[in-house]
Protein backbone atom coordinates (compact mmCIF):
# COMPACT_ATOMS: atom_id res chain seq x y z
CA MET A 1 18.04 0.65 32.06
CA THR A 2 16.56 3.05 29.55
CA THR A 3 17.48 3.95 26.04
CA SER A 4 19.22 7.17 25.15
CA ALA A 5 19.95 6.48 21.48
CA ALA A 6 17.38 7.60 18.94
CA CYS A 7 15.08 5.04 17.35
CA GLN A 8 13.67 5.11 13.84
CA LEU A 9 10.42 3.54 12.64
CA PHE A 10 10.49 2.27 9.05
CA GLU A 11 7.97 0.44 6.91
CA ALA A 12 8.90 -3.24 7.19
CA THR A 13 10.27 -5.09 4.17
CA ILE A 14 9.77 -8.80 3.51
CA ASP A 15 13.27 -9.44 4.85
CA ASP A 16 12.42 -7.48 8.02
CA CYS A 17 9.30 -9.60 8.54
CA LEU A 18 11.25 -12.81 8.03
CA GLU A 19 13.80 -11.59 10.59
CA ILE A 20 10.93 -11.10 13.07
CA SER A 21 9.69 -14.65 12.39
CA ARG A 22 12.95 -16.01 13.80
CA CYS A 23 12.09 -14.57 17.24
CA PHE A 24 9.54 -17.31 17.84
CA THR A 25 10.66 -20.69 19.11
CA ASP A 26 7.34 -22.51 19.44
CA LEU A 27 3.64 -22.34 18.55
CA SER A 28 2.57 -20.73 21.83
CA THR A 29 4.92 -17.73 21.47
CA VAL A 30 3.96 -17.02 17.86
CA THR A 31 0.24 -17.45 18.65
CA GLU A 32 0.45 -15.15 21.67
CA TRP A 33 2.11 -12.51 19.51
CA GLY A 34 0.24 -12.91 16.24
CA GLY A 35 -3.05 -14.58 17.09
CA GLU A 36 -4.68 -17.57 15.52
CA GLY A 37 -3.66 -18.78 12.08
CA PHE A 38 0.09 -19.02 12.56
CA VAL A 39 1.72 -22.45 12.53
CA PHE A 40 4.98 -23.79 13.88
CA PRO A 41 7.41 -24.67 12.50
CA MET A 42 6.85 -21.67 10.26
CA GLN A 43 6.96 -21.69 6.50
CA GLN A 44 8.12 -18.32 5.15
CA GLN A 45 5.33 -17.86 2.62
CA GLN A 46 2.60 -18.86 5.08
CA PHE A 47 4.02 -16.52 7.73
CA LEU A 48 4.07 -13.59 5.29
CA LEU A 49 0.52 -14.28 4.06
CA GLN A 50 -0.78 -14.43 7.64
CA LEU A 51 1.11 -11.27 8.58
CA HIS A 52 0.10 -9.09 5.64
CA ARG A 53 -3.65 -8.61 5.96
CA PRO A 54 -5.74 -6.06 4.05
CA ASN A 55 -5.67 -2.53 5.50
CA THR A 56 -2.59 -3.39 7.58
CA SER A 57 0.82 -1.73 7.50
CA SER A 58 3.88 -3.32 9.14
CA TYR A 59 6.73 -1.36 10.71
CA ILE A 60 10.07 -2.08 12.32
CA LEU A 61 11.81 -0.04 14.98
CA LYS A 62 15.57 0.27 14.61
CA GLN A 63 18.17 1.61 16.99
CA GLN A 64 21.75 2.07 15.76
CA ALA A 65 20.90 0.00 12.63
CA ALA A 66 19.68 -2.99 14.70
CA THR A 67 16.05 -4.10 14.58
CA VAL A 68 14.63 -3.80 18.10
CA GLY A 69 10.86 -3.82 17.57
CA PHE A 70 7.92 -4.51 15.28
CA GLY A 71 4.31 -3.37 15.13
CA GLN A 72 1.36 -3.03 12.80
CA ILE A 73 -1.26 -0.35 12.23
CA CYS A 74 -4.59 -1.74 11.04
CA GLN A 75 -7.81 0.03 10.17
CA ARG A 76 -10.23 -1.88 12.42
CA PHE A 77 -13.20 -0.94 14.58
CA GLY A 78 -13.15 2.57 13.05
CA LYS A 79 -9.81 3.17 14.78
CA HIS A 80 -6.07 2.98 14.31
CA HIS A 81 -5.68 -0.53 15.70
CA LEU A 82 -2.16 -1.36 16.92
CA ALA A 83 -1.35 -5.03 16.50
CA ARG A 84 1.43 -7.60 16.75
CA LEU A 85 3.53 -5.35 18.93
CA LEU A 86 6.95 -6.75 19.77
CA VAL A 87 10.16 -5.56 21.38
CA LEU A 88 12.75 -8.18 20.53
CA PRO A 89 13.84 -10.21 23.57
CA GLU A 90 17.43 -8.97 23.52
CA ALA A 91 16.21 -5.33 23.47
CA ARG A 92 13.75 -5.50 26.38
CA GLY A 93 14.18 -3.46 29.53
CA LYS A 94 15.40 -0.38 27.65
CA ASN A 95 12.15 1.60 27.38
CA LEU A 96 11.74 0.66 23.71
CA SER A 97 8.07 -0.32 24.00
CA TYR A 98 7.30 3.32 24.68
CA ALA A 99 9.36 4.43 21.65
CA LEU A 100 7.65 1.80 19.47
CA LEU A 101 4.14 2.84 20.47
CA LEU A 102 4.79 6.58 20.19
CA SER A 103 6.35 6.11 16.76
CA LEU A 104 3.41 4.01 15.55
CA MET A 105 0.93 6.58 16.87
CA CYS A 106 2.86 9.39 15.17
CA ARG A 107 2.75 7.53 11.84
CA ALA A 108 -0.96 6.68 12.23
CA LEU A 109 -1.94 10.27 13.03
CA GLN A 110 -0.07 11.39 9.92
CA GLN A 111 -2.47 9.18 7.94
CA ASN A 112 -5.67 10.22 9.76
CA ARG A 113 -5.67 12.68 12.69
CA LYS A 114 -9.29 11.96 13.67
CA LEU A 115 -9.18 8.26 14.53
CA ASP A 116 -8.73 6.99 18.08
CA PHE A 117 -6.41 4.06 18.90
CA SER A 118 -7.15 0.52 20.04
CA LEU A 119 -5.30 -2.69 20.78
CA PHE A 120 -5.83 -6.13 22.26
CA VAL A 121 -3.54 -7.53 24.97
CA PHE A 122 -3.54 -10.87 26.75
CA ARG A 123 -4.78 -10.46 30.32
CA HIS A 124 -1.84 -12.43 31.73
CA ASN A 125 0.70 -10.12 30.03
CA GLN A 126 0.81 -7.68 32.91
CA VAL A 127 4.02 -5.99 31.73
CA ALA A 128 2.30 -4.98 28.47
CA VAL A 129 -0.94 -4.01 30.26
CA HIS A 130 1.08 -1.76 32.58
CA CYS A 131 2.92 -0.17 29.64
CA TYR A 132 -0.32 0.60 27.79
CA GLN A 133 -1.91 2.03 30.94
CA GLN A 134 1.17 4.24 31.47
CA LEU A 135 0.50 5.65 28.01
CA GLY A 136 -3.14 6.35 28.86
CA PHE A 137 -4.88 3.38 27.23
CA LYS A 138 -8.09 2.38 29.04
CA MET A 139 -9.76 -1.02 29.18
CA THR A 140 -13.11 -0.94 27.39
CA ALA A 141 -15.73 -3.41 26.19
CA GLN A 142 -14.55 -5.61 23.36
CA PRO A 143 -16.10 -5.15 19.94
CA GLY A 144 -17.88 -8.26 18.71
CA PRO A 145 -17.73 -11.57 20.55
CA GLU A 146 -15.92 -11.52 23.90
CA HIS A 147 -12.47 -13.13 24.02
CA PRO A 148 -12.09 -14.01 27.73
CA GLY A 149 -8.27 -14.09 27.65
CA LEU A 150 -7.92 -10.59 26.18
CA TYR A 151 -8.36 -6.98 27.22
CA PHE A 152 -9.46 -4.43 24.61
CA MET A 153 -7.84 -1.06 25.28
CA GLN A 154 -8.40 2.35 23.71
CA LEU A 155 -6.74 5.76 23.63
CA SER A 156 -8.36 8.88 22.18
CA CYS A 157 -6.64 10.68 19.32
CA ASP A 158 -6.53 13.82 21.50
CA ASP A 159 -4.69 11.93 24.25
CA ALA A 160 -2.33 10.44 21.66
CA ARG A 161 -1.52 13.89 20.26
CA GLN A 162 -0.84 15.13 23.79
CA LEU A 163 1.54 12.20 24.38
CA LEU A 164 3.39 12.99 21.18
CA THR A 165 4.05 16.55 22.31
CA SER A 166 5.06 15.65 25.87
CA LYS A 167 8.42 16.82 27.12
CA GLY A 168 9.79 13.31 27.62
CA TRP A 169 10.25 12.50 23.94
CA HIS A 170 11.28 14.25 20.76
CA LEU A 171 9.64 12.91 17.60
CA GLN A 172 10.46 13.85 14.02
CA LEU A 173 8.36 12.68 11.11
CA ASN A 174 8.98 12.61 7.39
CA SER A 175 7.39 10.64 4.58
CA THR A 176 9.34 7.44 5.27
CA VAL A 177 10.78 7.56 8.81
CA VAL A 178 9.64 8.47 12.32
CA SER A 179 12.56 9.28 14.65
CA CYS A 180 12.00 9.04 18.39
CA GLN A 181 14.53 10.32 20.93
CA PRO A 182 14.01 10.29 24.72
CA GLN A 183 14.58 13.66 26.36
CA GLU A 184 14.50 12.37 29.91
CA THR A 185 14.42 8.99 31.61
CA THR A 186 11.23 9.24 33.66
CA ASN A 187 9.44 6.48 31.74
CA ALA A 188 11.60 3.56 32.89
CA ASN A 189 10.32 0.01 33.23
CA LEU A 190 7.73 0.20 30.48
CA ASP A 191 8.99 -2.91 28.65
């Protein structure tokens, strides 16, 4: 099943972030999503402090007023680093990971058109690896010390711009919202 309704990417509020925190039911799920430093059970203030790092912006993806995704854009490694990417469990299987990533890339390129993109993904998360590869991300050497359980993936800014102008999606950008509407359903099974 794919999505046909438009999605909108907004800067996340504190309430949005706290809503996301309720998606995690144990330490392993929150650690796999957010990395080291999170605890379970979560305390609201600790969660927010861990989530809001310097040079990091948090965003939520909404569809028909419901929150369906979350992601961050960080300035790391001299790139737009995409982090803590999440399509909410009840929204999976609807092609929303593609909408989330395209919307985040659109917002990041508005801020700096010259930076490439990067992300980390757990090696065992083959659904996510496949999604990122479908978008053109390539596995490359990790910066700094090697984390054996992770892949480091990159996408050039030129390839990102080409994705954003592809015929499959219509993106509109203003100062506060990125709207993403699928134009065709050829990108199924990316979640």
